[in-house]
Amino acid sequence: MGKVGGFLEQGRHEHGMRPIEERVHDYDDLSVTLPEDQLRAQAGRCMYCGVAFCQTGVNFGKARTSGCPLHNLIPEWNDLIWRGLWDDAAERLALTNPLPEFTGRVCPALCEAACNLGLHDDPTTIRDDERAISDWQWEHGGPKPLEPAPKGAPLVTVVGTGPSGLACAWELARRGLRVHMVEKSDRPGGLLMYGIPNMKLPKDVVERRADLMRRSGIQIECGVDASDPKVAAKLAKTSDAVVLAAGTGRARTLRVPGADKDGVHLAVEYLTAQTKALLDGTKSPISAEGKDVVVIGGGDTGTDCVATALRQGAKSIMQLEFLPEPPEQPAPGNAWPEWPVVKKTDYGQQEAIATFGEDRRLWATDTLEVLGDASVEGLKIVSLDWTSGKPVRKEETERTLPAQLVVLAMGFLGPDTGLVEAFGGEVAQQGRPLPVTVGKRHVLAGAKDGRVYCAGDTRNGSTIVVNAISDGLACAAEVASDLLG
């Protein structure tokens, strides 16, 4: 159970980060991992609880799911880390999570919010422990490739190479099916490659996973647009089943006068341009250098955009958040083990504070108009009053922000409906525009021969990486059951 009473002797120490004054000048990995003895000591804080809420992955209230949706066997591999049995820990982790190198870096750590130790003390560093297991395994030869499927096995085409698609493909191959992955972009990885910047998720981590997939007999083909009806028809004809796991391609846009001006970009477009430039050794065609930048959206992607703009040499940065400022501590009705709804100052905001001397976020703020002639020159904004529970504009607060670059990090509406329709699928006409599935299954309603499935964000709408992985695994189990019996 780890070190008996370890949590009484050892405080919480997370992986560190490189100094801000150093890291804002490059796109290298932010993090600095702990030495092995400290990693083992942190894992030894795990109490091996009788009821381990950390691995439940359920919704305890109205807030985000608390506990791991993959139901990782957290106390077990924490104990193995403490004992120095890294190989055993990696095997235990692989039972539930095929992609720990990603969740150990970018997951918001739902597990830690539900840690029993966190009720009265700082929770166990579960995410860091998970990354430590994965890093150790890759440093010692990496996970073993799967045995390639026999030639006569059913062939499944997985559309999309993001977290859900990768998890689904890996599980299908593990169960003995042939797998062909297609990707619209020029590199595999989906949002792992282009939606998350390199300093947060180094791209060699994504590339080595794709290489492992190939060595396991999984074919990966890039530059394939499956939303083209002709391409979709060919994939459906040559496959025993197709899984749509292409994420959510429809980003929320700004619906105000002037939103179509030059200099207004979607966050994914902005982040993709910078990552491609970094990998290709060129300069991004969308640059914040010398510009007043406004990022609209306060989530993780907004943070990534702030951090990217800093590295590009922005003159100034403001980040607008539509919702009111969250409390520093959970409200009385937001008790453990619910996900804590509190103010988060992430790495990008920390860097902006250090660079400009103050927090660059404006809470409860709405955009009224994009100003300028052909290109953006500023934004007209207004503060919002949320005291009634609904946003009310405070007209006396209308003002203008200078901006020559505006980045929209406002979330997503749903998947590319053209992709769903190309395979004959139905899209919901009420509520969120998500694919219609058969009952609670992953089977796409209306698709030819019932051989088309959807998974991850394509099925459920925008969510976090760990949820996408979990749904990809569930879809793979369903497909394998249908094809293999």
Protein backbone atom coordinates (compact mmCIF):
# COMPACT_ATOMS: atom_id res chain seq x y z
CA MET A 1 0.00 0.00 0.00
CA GLY A 2 2.96 2.33 -0.42
CA LYS A 3 4.74 3.63 2.63
CA VAL A 4 2.64 3.16 5.73
CA GLY A 5 1.87 6.64 6.99
CA GLY A 6 3.82 8.18 4.13
CA PHE A 7 1.25 10.93 3.68
CA LEU A 8 1.93 12.02 7.27
CA GLU A 9 5.65 12.41 6.66
CA GLN A 10 5.83 13.66 3.08
CA GLY A 11 4.16 16.77 1.65
CA ARG A 12 2.99 17.11 -1.94
CA HIS A 13 5.66 18.04 -4.48
CA GLU A 14 4.63 18.26 -8.13
CA HIS A 15 6.85 18.15 -11.19
CA GLY A 16 8.37 21.59 -11.58
CA MET A 17 8.51 23.96 -14.53
CA ARG A 18 11.45 25.71 -16.10
CA PRO A 19 11.83 29.37 -15.02
CA ILE A 20 9.42 31.66 -16.84
CA GLU A 21 12.18 34.02 -17.99
CA GLU A 22 13.80 31.05 -19.72
CA ARG A 23 10.89 29.11 -21.16
CA VAL A 24 8.99 32.02 -22.79
CA HIS A 25 11.78 32.25 -25.36
CA ASP A 26 11.35 28.73 -26.74
CA TYR A 27 8.83 25.96 -27.40
CA ASP A 28 10.66 23.26 -25.44
CA ASP A 29 9.01 21.13 -22.77
CA LEU A 30 7.78 23.21 -19.84
CA SER A 31 8.17 20.58 -17.19
CA VAL A 32 11.03 19.41 -15.02
CA THR A 33 10.43 15.97 -13.54
CA LEU A 34 11.49 14.95 -10.04
CA PRO A 35 14.40 12.60 -9.31
CA GLU A 36 13.45 8.94 -8.86
CA ASP A 37 13.71 8.96 -5.07
CA GLN A 38 11.31 11.89 -4.88
CA LEU A 39 8.95 10.27 -7.38
CA ARG A 40 8.83 7.16 -5.21
CA ALA A 41 8.24 9.26 -2.10
CA GLN A 42 5.33 11.04 -3.77
CA ALA A 43 3.75 7.74 -4.81
CA GLY A 44 4.27 6.58 -1.24
CA ARG A 45 1.81 9.25 -0.06
CA CYS A 46 -1.02 7.18 -1.57
CA MET A 47 -3.14 5.79 1.27
CA TYR A 48 -4.38 2.69 -0.63
CA CYS A 49 -7.91 3.61 0.41
CA GLY A 50 -10.61 1.02 0.97
CA VAL A 51 -12.87 3.09 -1.31
CA ALA A 52 -10.57 4.67 -3.89
CA PHE A 53 -12.64 7.52 -5.29
CA CYS A 54 -9.65 8.47 -7.48
CA GLN A 55 -10.46 5.63 -9.89
CA THR A 56 -14.26 5.88 -9.92
CA GLY A 57 -14.79 8.29 -12.80
CA VAL A 58 -18.36 9.28 -11.99
CA ASN A 59 -20.25 12.54 -11.69
CA PHE A 60 -20.84 13.36 -8.03
CA GLY A 61 -22.85 16.51 -8.80
CA LYS A 62 -23.39 19.13 -11.47
CA ALA A 63 -19.68 19.77 -11.91
CA ARG A 64 -17.24 17.90 -14.17
CA THR A 65 -16.70 14.17 -13.62
CA SER A 66 -14.49 13.44 -10.64
CA GLY A 67 -12.17 10.44 -10.56
CA CYS A 68 -10.56 8.71 -13.54
CA PRO A 69 -12.94 7.85 -16.44
CA LEU A 70 -10.51 5.08 -17.45
CA HIS A 71 -10.77 3.58 -13.96
CA ASN A 72 -6.99 3.40 -13.70
CA LEU A 73 -5.83 1.13 -10.86
CA ILE A 74 -4.17 4.08 -9.18
CA PRO A 75 -3.46 2.76 -5.67
CA GLU A 76 -1.95 -0.39 -7.16
CA TRP A 77 0.55 1.30 -9.44
CA ASN A 78 1.36 3.93 -6.83
CA ASP A 79 2.35 1.09 -4.53
CA LEU A 80 4.50 -0.43 -7.26
CA ILE A 81 6.26 2.91 -7.85
CA TRP A 82 6.99 3.20 -4.12
CA ARG A 83 8.50 -0.26 -4.17
CA GLY A 84 10.60 0.59 -7.25
CA LEU A 85 8.84 -1.99 -9.44
CA TRP A 86 8.57 0.20 -12.52
CA ASP A 87 8.01 -2.61 -15.03
CA ASP A 88 5.14 -3.97 -12.96
CA ALA A 89 3.70 -0.47 -12.59
CA ALA A 90 3.78 -0.01 -16.38
CA GLU A 91 2.00 -3.33 -16.92
CA ARG A 92 -0.65 -2.39 -14.37
CA LEU A 93 -1.21 1.00 -15.98
CA ALA A 94 -1.47 -0.54 -19.46
CA LEU A 95 -4.44 -2.64 -18.32
CA THR A 96 -6.66 0.45 -18.39
CA ASN A 97 -4.82 3.19 -20.26
CA PRO A 98 -3.05 2.59 -23.60
CA LEU A 99 -1.87 6.21 -23.90
CA PRO A 100 -0.45 7.33 -20.53
CA GLU A 101 2.19 9.55 -22.13
CA PHE A 102 -0.65 11.90 -23.08
CA THR A 103 -2.88 11.77 -20.01
CA GLY A 104 0.20 12.12 -17.79
CA ARG A 105 0.90 15.45 -19.49
CA VAL A 106 -2.38 17.13 -20.48
CA CYS A 107 -5.16 15.57 -18.39
CA PRO A 108 -6.69 18.00 -15.82
CA ALA A 109 -6.25 15.23 -13.21
CA LEU A 110 -9.83 14.35 -12.40
CA CYS A 111 -8.33 11.60 -10.23
CA GLU A 112 -6.64 14.08 -7.93
CA ALA A 113 -9.88 15.97 -7.34
CA ALA A 114 -11.36 12.76 -5.93
CA CYS A 115 -8.30 11.66 -3.93
CA ASN A 116 -9.30 10.84 -0.35
CA LEU A 117 -6.14 12.51 0.92
CA GLY A 118 -7.32 15.71 -0.73
CA LEU A 119 -10.28 15.96 1.61
CA HIS A 120 -8.07 17.30 4.43
CA ASP A 121 -4.63 17.63 2.81
CA ASP A 122 -3.01 18.05 -0.61
CA PRO A 123 -3.90 15.08 -2.86
CA THR A 124 -1.44 12.54 -4.17
CA THR A 125 0.43 13.60 -7.34
CA ILE A 126 -1.39 11.00 -9.43
CA ARG A 127 -0.90 12.64 -12.83
CA ASP A 128 2.84 13.09 -12.22
CA ASP A 129 3.05 9.47 -11.06
CA GLU A 130 1.33 8.33 -14.25
CA ARG A 131 3.70 10.32 -16.42
CA ALA A 132 6.66 8.98 -14.44
CA ILE A 133 5.60 5.40 -15.20
CA SER A 134 5.21 6.17 -18.90
CA ASP A 135 8.48 8.11 -19.13
CA TRP A 136 10.34 5.30 -17.38
CA GLN A 137 8.92 2.74 -19.77
CA TRP A 138 9.82 4.75 -22.88
CA GLU A 139 13.32 5.39 -21.51
CA HIS A 140 13.75 1.63 -21.09
CA GLY A 141 12.71 0.48 -24.56
CA GLY A 142 9.11 1.63 -24.69
CA PRO A 143 5.89 -0.39 -24.73
CA LYS A 144 6.12 -3.59 -26.75
CA PRO A 145 4.46 -3.56 -30.19
CA LEU A 146 1.38 -5.69 -30.65
CA GLU A 147 1.48 -8.81 -32.75
CA PRO A 148 0.15 -7.85 -36.22
CA ALA A 149 -3.30 -9.22 -36.97
CA PRO A 150 -3.58 -12.23 -39.31
CA LYS A 151 -4.23 -11.45 -42.99
CA GLY A 152 -7.75 -12.82 -42.92
CA ALA A 153 -8.88 -10.77 -39.92
CA PRO A 154 -11.67 -8.19 -40.40
CA LEU A 155 -10.44 -4.76 -41.48
CA VAL A 156 -11.56 -1.67 -39.56
CA THR A 157 -10.88 1.84 -40.83
CA VAL A 158 -10.55 4.47 -38.09
CA VAL A 159 -11.09 8.04 -39.30
CA GLY A 160 -9.02 10.38 -37.15
CA THR A 161 -5.73 9.90 -35.31
CA GLY A 162 -6.42 11.92 -32.18
CA PRO A 163 -6.70 10.40 -28.69
CA SER A 164 -9.99 8.60 -29.33
CA GLY A 165 -8.88 7.24 -32.70
CA LEU A 166 -5.50 6.10 -31.37
CA ALA A 167 -7.07 4.37 -28.38
CA CYS A 168 -9.72 2.72 -30.54
CA ALA A 169 -7.19 1.55 -33.13
CA TRP A 170 -4.82 0.16 -30.48
CA GLU A 171 -7.61 -1.79 -28.78
CA LEU A 172 -8.93 -3.14 -32.08
CA ALA A 173 -5.44 -4.34 -33.01
CA ARG A 174 -4.94 -5.82 -29.55
CA ARG A 175 -8.13 -7.82 -30.07
CA GLY A 176 -6.82 -9.23 -33.35
CA LEU A 177 -8.37 -7.01 -36.04
CA ARG A 178 -6.59 -5.32 -38.92
CA VAL A 179 -6.67 -1.54 -38.61
CA HIS A 180 -6.30 1.22 -41.18
CA MET A 181 -6.20 4.79 -39.82
CA VAL A 182 -6.80 7.82 -42.02
CA GLU A 183 -6.02 11.41 -41.07
CA LYS A 184 -6.97 14.65 -42.81
CA SER A 185 -3.84 16.51 -41.69
CA ASP A 186 -0.29 16.00 -42.90
CA ARG A 187 0.81 14.35 -39.63
CA PRO A 188 -0.93 11.89 -37.29
CA GLY A 189 -2.07 12.85 -33.82
CA GLY A 190 -5.11 15.08 -34.31
CA LEU A 191 -5.38 17.64 -31.52
CA LEU A 192 -2.43 15.97 -29.80
CA MET A 193 -0.28 17.09 -32.73
CA TYR A 194 -1.80 20.43 -33.69
CA GLY A 195 -4.26 21.44 -30.96
CA ILE A 196 -1.79 21.45 -28.06
CA PRO A 197 1.47 23.42 -28.34
CA ASN A 198 4.86 21.74 -28.24
CA MET A 199 5.91 23.15 -24.84
CA LYS A 200 2.93 21.44 -23.24
CA LEU A 201 3.06 18.23 -25.31
CA PRO A 202 6.32 17.72 -27.24
CA LYS A 203 5.60 16.37 -30.69
CA ASP A 204 8.22 13.66 -30.52
CA VAL A 205 5.97 12.09 -27.88
CA VAL A 206 3.16 11.96 -30.44
CA GLU A 207 5.45 10.74 -33.23
CA ARG A 208 6.88 7.86 -31.22
CA ARG A 209 3.34 6.64 -30.42
CA ALA A 210 2.42 6.74 -34.11
CA ASP A 211 5.60 4.76 -34.87
CA LEU A 212 4.62 2.15 -32.26
CA MET A 213 1.20 1.86 -33.90
CA ARG A 214 2.83 1.20 -37.26
CA ARG A 215 5.16 -1.41 -35.74
CA SER A 216 2.04 -3.09 -34.40
CA GLY A 217 0.70 -3.57 -37.92
CA ILE A 218 -1.62 -0.55 -37.88
CA GLN A 219 -1.57 1.37 -41.15
CA ILE A 220 -1.65 5.18 -40.86
CA GLU A 221 -2.43 7.24 -43.95
CA CYS A 222 -2.37 11.05 -43.79
CA GLY A 223 -3.82 13.60 -46.19
CA VAL A 224 -7.13 11.71 -46.51
CA ASP A 225 -10.32 13.78 -46.28
CA ALA A 226 -13.02 11.27 -45.35
CA SER A 227 -15.72 13.95 -45.52
CA ASP A 228 -15.44 13.70 -49.31
CA PRO A 229 -18.36 11.39 -50.27
CA LYS A 230 -16.19 9.56 -52.82
CA VAL A 231 -13.48 8.88 -50.24
CA ALA A 232 -16.09 7.85 -47.67
CA ALA A 233 -17.69 5.44 -50.13
CA LYS A 234 -14.33 3.84 -50.90
CA LEU A 235 -13.45 3.44 -47.23
CA ALA A 236 -16.84 1.92 -46.45
CA LYS A 237 -16.58 -0.48 -49.39
CA THR A 238 -13.08 -1.72 -48.56
CA SER A 239 -13.61 -2.05 -44.79
CA ASP A 240 -15.60 -4.44 -42.64
CA ALA A 241 -16.35 -1.49 -40.35
CA VAL A 242 -15.55 2.22 -40.11
CA VAL A 243 -15.11 4.22 -36.90
CA LEU A 244 -15.48 8.00 -37.08
CA ALA A 245 -13.17 9.45 -34.42
CA ALA A 246 -12.25 12.75 -35.99
CA GLY A 247 -12.96 15.01 -33.02
CA THR A 248 -15.05 18.17 -33.12
CA GLY A 249 -14.30 20.18 -36.22
CA ARG A 250 -16.89 22.93 -35.79
CA ALA A 251 -15.45 25.68 -33.60
CA ARG A 252 -17.60 28.41 -32.08
CA THR A 253 -17.11 31.69 -33.90
CA LEU A 254 -17.63 35.33 -32.98
CA ARG A 255 -21.05 36.53 -34.18
CA VAL A 256 -20.61 40.28 -34.05
CA PRO A 257 -20.09 42.97 -36.69
CA GLY A 258 -16.62 42.82 -38.20
CA ALA A 259 -15.85 39.26 -37.09
CA ASP A 260 -14.76 38.35 -40.63
CA LYS A 261 -11.90 40.88 -40.73
CA ASP A 262 -8.32 39.85 -41.38
CA GLY A 263 -6.51 39.12 -38.14
CA VAL A 264 -9.36 37.20 -36.51
CA HIS A 265 -8.44 33.51 -36.26
CA LEU A 266 -9.77 30.36 -34.64
CA ALA A 267 -7.54 29.00 -31.89
CA VAL A 268 -6.94 25.66 -33.64
CA GLU A 269 -5.94 27.51 -36.81
CA TYR A 270 -3.52 29.67 -34.82
CA LEU A 271 -1.98 26.82 -32.81
CA THR A 272 -1.74 24.57 -35.87
CA ALA A 273 0.12 27.23 -37.84
CA GLN A 274 2.70 27.68 -35.08
CA THR A 275 3.26 23.96 -34.53
CA LYS A 276 3.61 23.29 -38.26
CA ALA A 277 6.11 26.12 -38.52
CA LEU A 278 8.08 24.75 -35.59
CA LEU A 279 8.21 21.25 -37.05
CA ASP A 280 9.03 22.49 -40.55
CA GLY A 281 11.65 24.99 -39.39
CA THR A 282 9.78 27.98 -40.80
CA LYS A 283 7.97 31.03 -39.40
CA SER A 284 4.26 30.88 -38.62
CA PRO A 285 2.04 32.72 -41.13
CA ILE A 286 -0.07 33.86 -38.15
CA SER A 287 2.21 35.76 -35.79
CA ALA A 288 1.65 37.87 -32.70
CA GLU A 289 5.03 39.55 -33.02
CA GLY A 290 4.77 43.25 -32.13
CA LYS A 291 0.97 43.11 -31.96
CA ASP A 292 -1.72 43.76 -29.39
CA VAL A 293 -3.33 40.36 -28.99
CA VAL A 294 -6.74 39.50 -27.57
CA VAL A 295 -7.60 35.89 -26.81
CA ILE A 296 -11.34 35.28 -26.38
CA GLY A 297 -11.92 32.25 -24.19
CA GLY A 298 -10.58 31.26 -20.79
CA GLY A 299 -10.14 27.49 -21.03
CA ASP A 300 -7.06 25.37 -21.58
CA THR A 301 -6.92 26.25 -25.28
CA GLY A 302 -7.10 29.95 -24.45
CA THR A 303 -4.19 29.47 -22.07
CA ASP A 304 -2.21 27.76 -24.84
CA CYS A 305 -2.91 30.69 -27.17
CA VAL A 306 -1.71 33.19 -24.55
CA ALA A 307 1.50 31.20 -24.06
CA THR A 308 2.05 30.95 -27.83
CA ALA A 309 1.51 34.68 -28.37
CA LEU A 310 4.07 35.44 -25.66
CA ARG A 311 6.64 33.24 -27.38
CA GLN A 312 5.94 34.94 -30.71
CA GLY A 313 6.74 38.32 -29.15
CA ALA A 314 3.34 39.93 -28.61
CA LYS A 315 3.36 43.60 -27.66
CA SER A 316 0.46 43.09 -25.26
CA ILE A 317 -2.05 40.35 -24.44
CA MET A 318 -5.57 40.44 -23.01
CA GLN A 319 -7.68 37.35 -22.37
CA LEU A 320 -11.47 37.74 -22.26
CA GLU A 321 -13.73 35.38 -20.32
CA PHE A 322 -17.50 35.51 -20.72
CA LEU A 323 -18.21 33.90 -17.34
CA PRO A 324 -17.67 35.61 -13.96
CA GLU A 325 -14.46 35.12 -12.02
CA PRO A 326 -14.58 31.83 -10.09
CA PRO A 327 -13.90 31.72 -6.35
CA GLU A 328 -10.44 30.95 -4.97
CA GLN A 329 -11.92 28.13 -2.86
CA PRO A 330 -14.82 25.75 -3.64
CA ALA A 331 -18.26 27.11 -2.77
CA PRO A 332 -20.19 25.40 0.08
CA GLY A 333 -22.32 23.52 -2.45
CA ASN A 334 -19.23 22.30 -4.34
CA ALA A 335 -17.93 19.82 -1.77
CA TRP A 336 -15.40 17.00 -2.22
CA PRO A 337 -15.38 14.67 -4.14
CA GLU A 338 -17.03 16.89 -6.76
CA TRP A 339 -14.73 18.53 -9.26
CA PRO A 340 -13.78 21.86 -7.62
CA VAL A 341 -15.00 24.90 -9.54
CA VAL A 342 -12.26 27.37 -8.60
CA LYS A 343 -10.11 29.99 -10.25
CA LYS A 344 -7.20 28.45 -12.12
CA THR A 345 -4.09 30.38 -13.05
CA ASP A 346 -2.32 28.09 -15.49
CA TYR A 347 1.11 28.29 -17.07
CA GLY A 348 0.09 30.75 -19.79
CA GLN A 349 -1.49 33.19 -17.34
CA GLN A 350 1.51 32.84 -15.02
CA GLU A 351 3.80 33.76 -17.91
CA ALA A 352 1.62 36.74 -18.85
CA ILE A 353 1.64 38.00 -15.26
CA ALA A 354 5.42 37.71 -15.10
CA THR A 355 5.82 39.45 -18.47
CA PHE A 356 3.34 42.31 -18.06
CA GLY A 357 3.27 42.65 -14.28
CA GLU A 358 -0.42 41.85 -13.82
CA ASP A 359 -3.12 39.31 -14.59
CA ARG A 360 -4.22 39.92 -18.17
CA ARG A 361 -7.66 38.37 -17.84
CA LEU A 362 -10.95 40.26 -18.00
CA TRP A 363 -13.80 38.25 -16.47
CA ALA A 364 -17.51 38.65 -17.26
CA THR A 365 -16.74 40.40 -20.53
CA ASP A 366 -18.57 40.27 -23.86
CA THR A 367 -17.43 41.38 -27.31
CA LEU A 368 -19.73 43.77 -29.17
CA GLU A 369 -17.81 44.55 -32.36
CA VAL A 370 -14.54 43.97 -34.18
CA LEU A 371 -13.17 47.36 -35.20
CA GLY A 372 -11.01 48.32 -38.16
CA ASP A 373 -11.17 48.60 -41.93
CA ALA A 374 -10.03 45.48 -43.79
CA SER A 375 -7.97 44.24 -40.83
CA VAL A 376 -8.76 44.18 -37.13
CA GLU A 377 -7.61 47.22 -35.18
CA GLY A 378 -9.50 46.75 -31.94
CA LEU A 379 -12.48 45.30 -30.10
CA LYS A 380 -15.47 47.02 -28.56
CA ILE A 381 -16.25 45.19 -25.32
CA VAL A 382 -18.66 45.46 -22.40
CA SER A 383 -18.72 44.09 -18.85
CA LEU A 384 -21.44 41.68 -17.75
CA ASP A 385 -23.45 41.53 -14.53
CA TRP A 386 -24.06 37.92 -13.43
CA THR A 387 -25.75 38.63 -10.09
CA SER A 388 -29.13 37.40 -11.38
CA GLY A 389 -27.57 34.17 -12.64
CA LYS A 390 -27.79 35.38 -16.24
CA PRO A 391 -25.47 37.77 -18.09
CA VAL A 392 -26.71 41.36 -18.29
CA ARG A 393 -24.68 43.94 -20.16
CA LYS A 394 -23.55 46.95 -18.15
CA GLU A 395 -23.90 49.58 -20.85
CA GLU A 396 -21.85 52.19 -18.97
CA THR A 397 -18.81 49.88 -19.20
CA GLU A 398 -18.51 49.85 -23.01
CA ARG A 399 -14.91 50.44 -24.02
CA THR A 400 -12.33 49.63 -26.69
CA LEU A 401 -9.30 47.36 -26.59
CA PRO A 402 -6.49 47.70 -29.16
CA ALA A 403 -5.97 44.50 -31.14
CA GLN A 404 -4.22 43.57 -34.36
CA LEU A 405 -4.64 39.83 -33.68
CA VAL A 406 -7.75 38.21 -32.19
CA VAL A 407 -7.76 34.49 -31.38
CA LEU A 408 -11.06 32.72 -30.74
CA ALA A 409 -10.77 29.95 -28.15
CA MET A 410 -14.49 29.64 -27.47
CA GLY A 411 -14.93 25.88 -27.65
CA PHE A 412 -16.68 23.72 -30.22
CA LEU A 413 -20.24 23.11 -31.40
CA GLY A 414 -19.73 19.53 -32.53
CA PRO A 415 -18.16 17.31 -35.20
CA ASP A 416 -17.95 18.05 -38.89
CA THR A 417 -21.47 17.21 -40.03
CA GLY A 418 -20.15 16.72 -43.56
CA LEU A 419 -18.10 13.76 -42.34
CA VAL A 420 -21.10 12.15 -40.65
CA GLU A 421 -23.34 12.70 -43.65
CA ALA A 422 -20.70 11.39 -46.07
CA PHE A 423 -21.14 7.98 -44.41
CA GLY A 424 -24.94 8.23 -44.50
CA GLY A 425 -25.27 9.13 -40.83
CA GLU A 426 -27.93 11.29 -39.25
CA VAL A 427 -27.25 14.46 -37.28
CA ALA A 428 -29.50 15.58 -34.41
CA GLN A 429 -31.84 18.40 -35.45
CA GLN A 430 -32.49 19.52 -31.88
CA GLY A 431 -29.98 20.28 -29.16
CA ARG A 432 -26.32 19.87 -29.97
CA PRO A 433 -25.59 18.91 -33.60
CA LEU A 434 -24.17 15.47 -32.76
CA PRO A 435 -24.48 12.22 -34.70
CA VAL A 436 -27.54 10.13 -33.96
CA THR A 437 -26.58 6.69 -32.70
CA VAL A 438 -28.57 3.49 -32.28
CA GLY A 439 -29.70 3.48 -28.67
CA LYS A 440 -26.73 3.75 -26.33
CA ARG A 441 -24.41 2.10 -28.83
CA HIS A 442 -21.68 3.66 -30.96
CA VAL A 443 -23.37 2.58 -34.20
CA LEU A 444 -24.20 5.52 -36.45
CA ALA A 445 -27.91 5.71 -37.22
CA GLY A 446 -28.72 5.72 -40.93
CA ALA A 447 -25.30 4.45 -41.98
CA LYS A 448 -25.15 1.78 -44.66
CA ASP A 449 -25.24 -1.81 -43.40
CA GLY A 450 -24.83 -0.64 -39.79
CA ARG A 451 -21.07 -0.90 -40.20
CA VAL A 452 -20.21 2.69 -39.28
CA TYR A 453 -19.51 3.71 -35.69
CA CYS A 454 -18.53 6.97 -34.02
CA ALA A 455 -16.42 7.58 -30.94
CA GLY A 456 -14.87 10.25 -28.74
CA ASP A 457 -15.65 13.89 -29.45
CA THR A 458 -17.27 12.96 -32.76
CA ARG A 459 -19.91 11.07 -30.78
CA ASN A 460 -20.16 13.12 -27.58
CA GLY A 461 -19.03 16.63 -28.42
CA SER A 462 -15.95 18.44 -27.15
CA THR A 463 -14.43 16.99 -24.00
CA ILE A 464 -11.05 16.22 -22.47
CA VAL A 465 -8.43 13.74 -23.67
CA VAL A 466 -9.10 11.09 -21.02
CA ASN A 467 -12.82 10.97 -21.90
CA ALA A 468 -11.98 10.63 -25.58
CA ILE A 469 -9.64 7.73 -24.83
CA SER A 470 -12.26 6.03 -22.66
CA ASP A 471 -14.93 6.27 -25.36
CA GLY A 472 -12.50 5.07 -28.03
CA LEU A 473 -11.82 1.93 -25.99
CA ALA A 474 -15.54 1.36 -25.44
CA CYS A 475 -16.21 1.71 -29.17
CA ALA A 476 -13.41 -0.73 -30.03
CA ALA A 477 -14.91 -3.32 -27.69
CA GLU A 478 -18.27 -2.91 -29.42
CA VAL A 479 -16.80 -3.18 -32.91
CA ALA A 480 -14.75 -6.24 -31.99
CA SER A 481 -17.78 -7.93 -30.47
CA ASP A 482 -19.84 -7.27 -33.61
CA LEU A 483 -17.14 -8.53 -36.00
CA LEU A 484 -15.62 -11.37 -34.00
CA GLY A 485 -18.61 -12.44 -31.91
